[in-house]
C-alpha atoms as a PDB file:
ATOM      1  CA  MET A   1      29.002 -13.008   8.954  1.00  0.00           C
ATOM      2  CA  ALA A   2      27.042  -9.781   9.304  1.00  0.00           C
ATOM      3  CA  LYS A   3      25.845  -8.718  12.721  1.00  0.00           C
ATOM      4  CA  LYS A   4      22.172  -9.121  13.539  1.00  0.00           C
ATOM      5  CA  GLY A   5      20.081  -6.018  12.836  1.00  0.00           C
ATOM      6  CA  THR A   6      18.251  -4.172  15.569  1.00  0.00           C
ATOM      7  CA  LYS A   7      14.459  -4.174  15.876  1.00  0.00           C
ATOM      8  CA  ALA A   8      14.423  -0.584  14.617  1.00  0.00           C
ATOM      9  CA  GLU A   9      16.464  -1.575  11.544  1.00  0.00           C
ATOM     10  CA  THR A  10      14.106  -4.466  10.875  1.00  0.00           C
ATOM     11  CA  VAL A  11      11.080  -2.167  11.058  1.00  0.00           C
ATOM     12  CA  LEU A  12      12.663   0.295   8.617  1.00  0.00           C
ATOM     13  CA  ARG A  13      13.759  -2.463   6.239  1.00  0.00           C
ATOM     14  CA  VAL A  14      10.327  -4.088   6.236  1.00  0.00           C
ATOM     15  CA  LYS A  15       8.816  -0.659   5.552  1.00  0.00           C
ATOM     16  CA  GLU A  16      11.187  -0.273   2.583  1.00  0.00           C
ATOM     17  CA  PHE A  17      10.135  -3.674   1.211  1.00  0.00           C
ATOM     18  CA  VAL A  18       6.475  -2.652   1.573  1.00  0.00           C
ATOM     19  CA  ARG A  19       7.264   0.483  -0.449  1.00  0.00           C
ATOM     20  CA  ILE A  20       9.085  -1.492  -3.150  1.00  0.00           C
ATOM     21  CA  ILE A  21       6.293  -4.081  -3.459  1.00  0.00           C
ATOM     22  CA  SER A  22       3.562  -1.404  -3.390  1.00  0.00           C
ATOM     23  CA  ASN A  23       5.267   0.300  -6.322  1.00  0.00           C
ATOM     24  CA  GLY A  24       5.222  -2.909  -8.363  1.00  0.00           C
ATOM     25  CA  GLY A  25       8.537  -4.371  -7.268  1.00  0.00           C
ATOM     26  CA  ARG A  26       9.152  -8.100  -7.260  1.00  0.00           C
ATOM     27  CA  ARG A  27      11.107 -10.357  -4.937  1.00  0.00           C
ATOM     28  CA  SER A  28      14.159  -9.902  -7.150  1.00  0.00           C
ATOM     29  CA  ASP A  29      13.887  -6.101  -6.791  1.00  0.00           C
ATOM     30  CA  CYS A  30      13.708  -6.408  -3.007  1.00  0.00           C
ATOM     31  CA  LYS A  31      16.615  -8.836  -3.033  1.00  0.00           C
ATOM     32  CA  SER A  32      18.803  -6.564  -5.158  1.00  0.00           C
ATOM     33  CA  TYR A  33      17.993  -3.574  -2.978  1.00  0.00           C
ATOM     34  CA  ALA A  34      18.718  -5.474   0.237  1.00  0.00           C
ATOM     35  CA  ILE A  35      22.030  -6.857  -1.001  1.00  0.00           C
ATOM     36  CA  GLU A  36      23.218  -3.488  -2.331  1.00  0.00           C
ATOM     37  CA  ASN A  37      22.106  -1.406   0.644  1.00  0.00           C
ATOM     38  CA  TRP A  38      22.134  -3.686   3.646  1.00  0.00           C
ATOM     39  CA  GLY A  39      24.458  -6.566   2.756  1.00  0.00           C
ATOM     40  CA  VAL A  40      22.075  -9.208   4.080  1.00  0.00           C
ATOM     41  CA  GLY A  41      21.638 -12.837   3.047  1.00  0.00           C
ATOM     42  CA  GLU A  42      18.793 -14.813   1.496  1.00  0.00           C
ATOM     43  CA  SER A  43      17.218 -15.968   4.755  1.00  0.00           C
ATOM     44  CA  THR A  44      17.120 -12.422   6.131  1.00  0.00           C
ATOM     45  CA  ILE A  45      15.625 -11.167   2.875  1.00  0.00           C
ATOM     46  CA  ASP A  46      12.963 -13.881   3.061  1.00  0.00           C
ATOM     47  CA  THR A  47      12.170 -12.859   6.646  1.00  0.00           C
ATOM     48  CA  TYR A  48      11.799  -9.197   5.641  1.00  0.00           C
ATOM     49  CA  LEU A  49       9.596 -10.205   2.698  1.00  0.00           C
ATOM     50  CA  ARG A  50       7.363 -12.335   4.914  1.00  0.00           C
ATOM     51  CA  LEU A  51       7.006  -9.505   7.426  1.00  0.00           C
ATOM     52  CA  ALA A  52       6.312  -6.971   4.654  1.00  0.00           C
ATOM     53  CA  ARG A  53       3.641  -9.169   3.080  1.00  0.00           C
ATOM     54  CA  ASP A  54       2.061  -9.841   6.489  1.00  0.00           C
ATOM     55  CA  GLN A  55       1.924  -6.090   7.108  1.00  0.00           C
ATOM     56  CA  MET A  56       0.378  -5.426   3.686  1.00  0.00           C
ATOM     57  CA  LYS A  57      -2.211  -8.144   4.225  1.00  0.00           C
ATOM     58  CA  ALA A  58      -3.102  -6.742   7.649  1.00  0.00           C
ATOM     59  CA  ASP A  59      -3.575  -3.288   6.111  1.00  0.00           C
ATOM     60  CA  TRP A  60      -6.316  -4.666   3.845  1.00  0.00           C
ATOM     61  CA  ASP A  61      -7.806  -7.273   6.163  1.00  0.00           C
ATOM     62  CA  ILE A  62     -10.961  -5.334   6.992  1.00  0.00           C
ATOM     63  CA  GLU A  63     -14.644  -6.090   6.695  1.00  0.00           C
ATOM     64  CA  ARG A  64     -16.367  -5.225   3.429  1.00  0.00           C
ATOM     65  CA  PRO A  65     -18.704  -2.577   4.939  1.00  0.00           C
ATOM     66  CA  GLN A  66     -15.704  -0.765   6.415  1.00  0.00           C
ATOM     67  CA  MET A  67     -13.861  -0.919   3.083  1.00  0.00           C
ATOM     68  CA  VAL A  68     -16.895   0.542   1.277  1.00  0.00           C
ATOM     69  CA  ALA A  69     -17.200   3.305   3.888  1.00  0.00           C
ATOM     70  CA  ASP A  70     -13.506   4.164   3.536  1.00  0.00           C
ATOM     71  CA  LEU A  71     -13.756   4.291  -0.258  1.00  0.00           C
ATOM     72  CA  LEU A  72     -16.958   6.360  -0.184  1.00  0.00           C
ATOM     73  CA  SER A  73     -15.227   8.871   2.105  1.00  0.00           C
ATOM     74  CA  GLN A  74     -12.299   9.075  -0.292  1.00  0.00           C
ATOM     75  CA  CYS A  75     -14.653   9.597  -3.236  1.00  0.00           C
ATOM     76  CA  SER A  76     -16.424  12.366  -1.362  1.00  0.00           C
ATOM     77  CA  THR A  77     -13.175  14.150  -0.541  1.00  0.00           C
ATOM     78  CA  LEU A  78     -11.931  13.791  -4.115  1.00  0.00           C
ATOM     79  CA  GLN A  79     -15.231  15.089  -5.505  1.00  0.00           C
ATOM     80  CA  ILE A  80     -15.134  18.179  -3.256  1.00  0.00           C
ATOM     81  CA  GLU A  81     -11.493  18.951  -4.062  1.00  0.00           C
ATOM     82  CA  ALA A  82     -12.096  18.427  -7.787  1.00  0.00           C
ATOM     83  CA  ARG A  83     -15.045  20.862  -7.787  1.00  0.00           C
ATOM     84  CA  MET A  84     -12.997  23.474  -5.943  1.00  0.00           C
ATOM     85  CA  ALA A  85     -10.252  23.091  -8.568  1.00  0.00           C
ATOM     86  CA  GLY A  86     -12.743  23.355 -11.433  1.00  0.00           C
ATOM     87  CA  GLN A  87     -12.034  19.755 -12.468  1.00  0.00           C
ATOM     88  CA  TYR A  88     -15.659  18.819 -13.022  1.00  0.00           C
ATOM     89  CA  HIS A  89     -14.892  15.665 -15.022  1.00  0.00           C
ATOM     90  CA  ILE A  90     -12.900  14.345 -12.059  1.00  0.00           C
ATOM     91  CA  ALA A  91     -15.747  15.298  -9.705  1.00  0.00           C
ATOM     92  CA  LEU A  92     -18.232  13.446 -11.907  1.00  0.00           C
ATOM     93  CA  GLY A  93     -15.962  10.401 -11.958  1.00  0.00           C
ATOM     94  CA  ALA A  94     -15.827  10.426  -8.157  1.00  0.00           C
ATOM     95  CA  ILE A  95     -19.623  10.724  -7.977  1.00  0.00           C
ATOM     96  CA  ASN A  96     -20.068   7.824 -10.424  1.00  0.00           C
ATOM     97  CA  THR A  97     -17.603   5.681  -8.489  1.00  0.00           C
ATOM     98  CA  ALA A  98     -19.410   6.428  -5.221  1.00  0.00           C
ATOM     99  CA  ALA A  99     -22.729   5.434  -6.827  1.00  0.00           C
ATOM    100  CA  LYS A 100     -21.216   2.128  -7.976  1.00  0.00           C
ATOM    101  CA  LEU A 101     -19.762   1.452  -4.530  1.00  0.00           C
ATOM    102  CA  ALA A 102     -23.151   2.142  -2.978  1.00  0.00           C
ATOM    103  CA  GLN A 103     -24.678  -0.162  -5.608  1.00  0.00           C
ATOM    104  CA  LEU A 104     -27.024   2.566  -6.834  1.00  0.00           C
ATOM    105  CA  CYS A 105     -26.163   1.718 -10.446  1.00  0.00           C
ATOM    106  CA  SER A 106     -24.344  -1.020 -12.340  1.00  0.00           C
END
């Protein structure tokens, strides 16, 4: 039987599962990674997965107006950086996306 991981190990392992899932990984990918790298069992893997999914959900559990404000800020930054780089088609795309988010056009 493997020894119980520390809280710090759990945090790092959950973070790794978040990374795997965010990059399109499935449960089986997380499971393979955990078995190969950490030597943990199914119940521990399920715990890490639950914690990772809870963390991901919490990251996106915000009110709609705040989400729109965050996205508009990102569009603005992208538009400015694209103009400075001479990437005017990217800047225009950011402007169009901002207009859609602000419901100025369909």
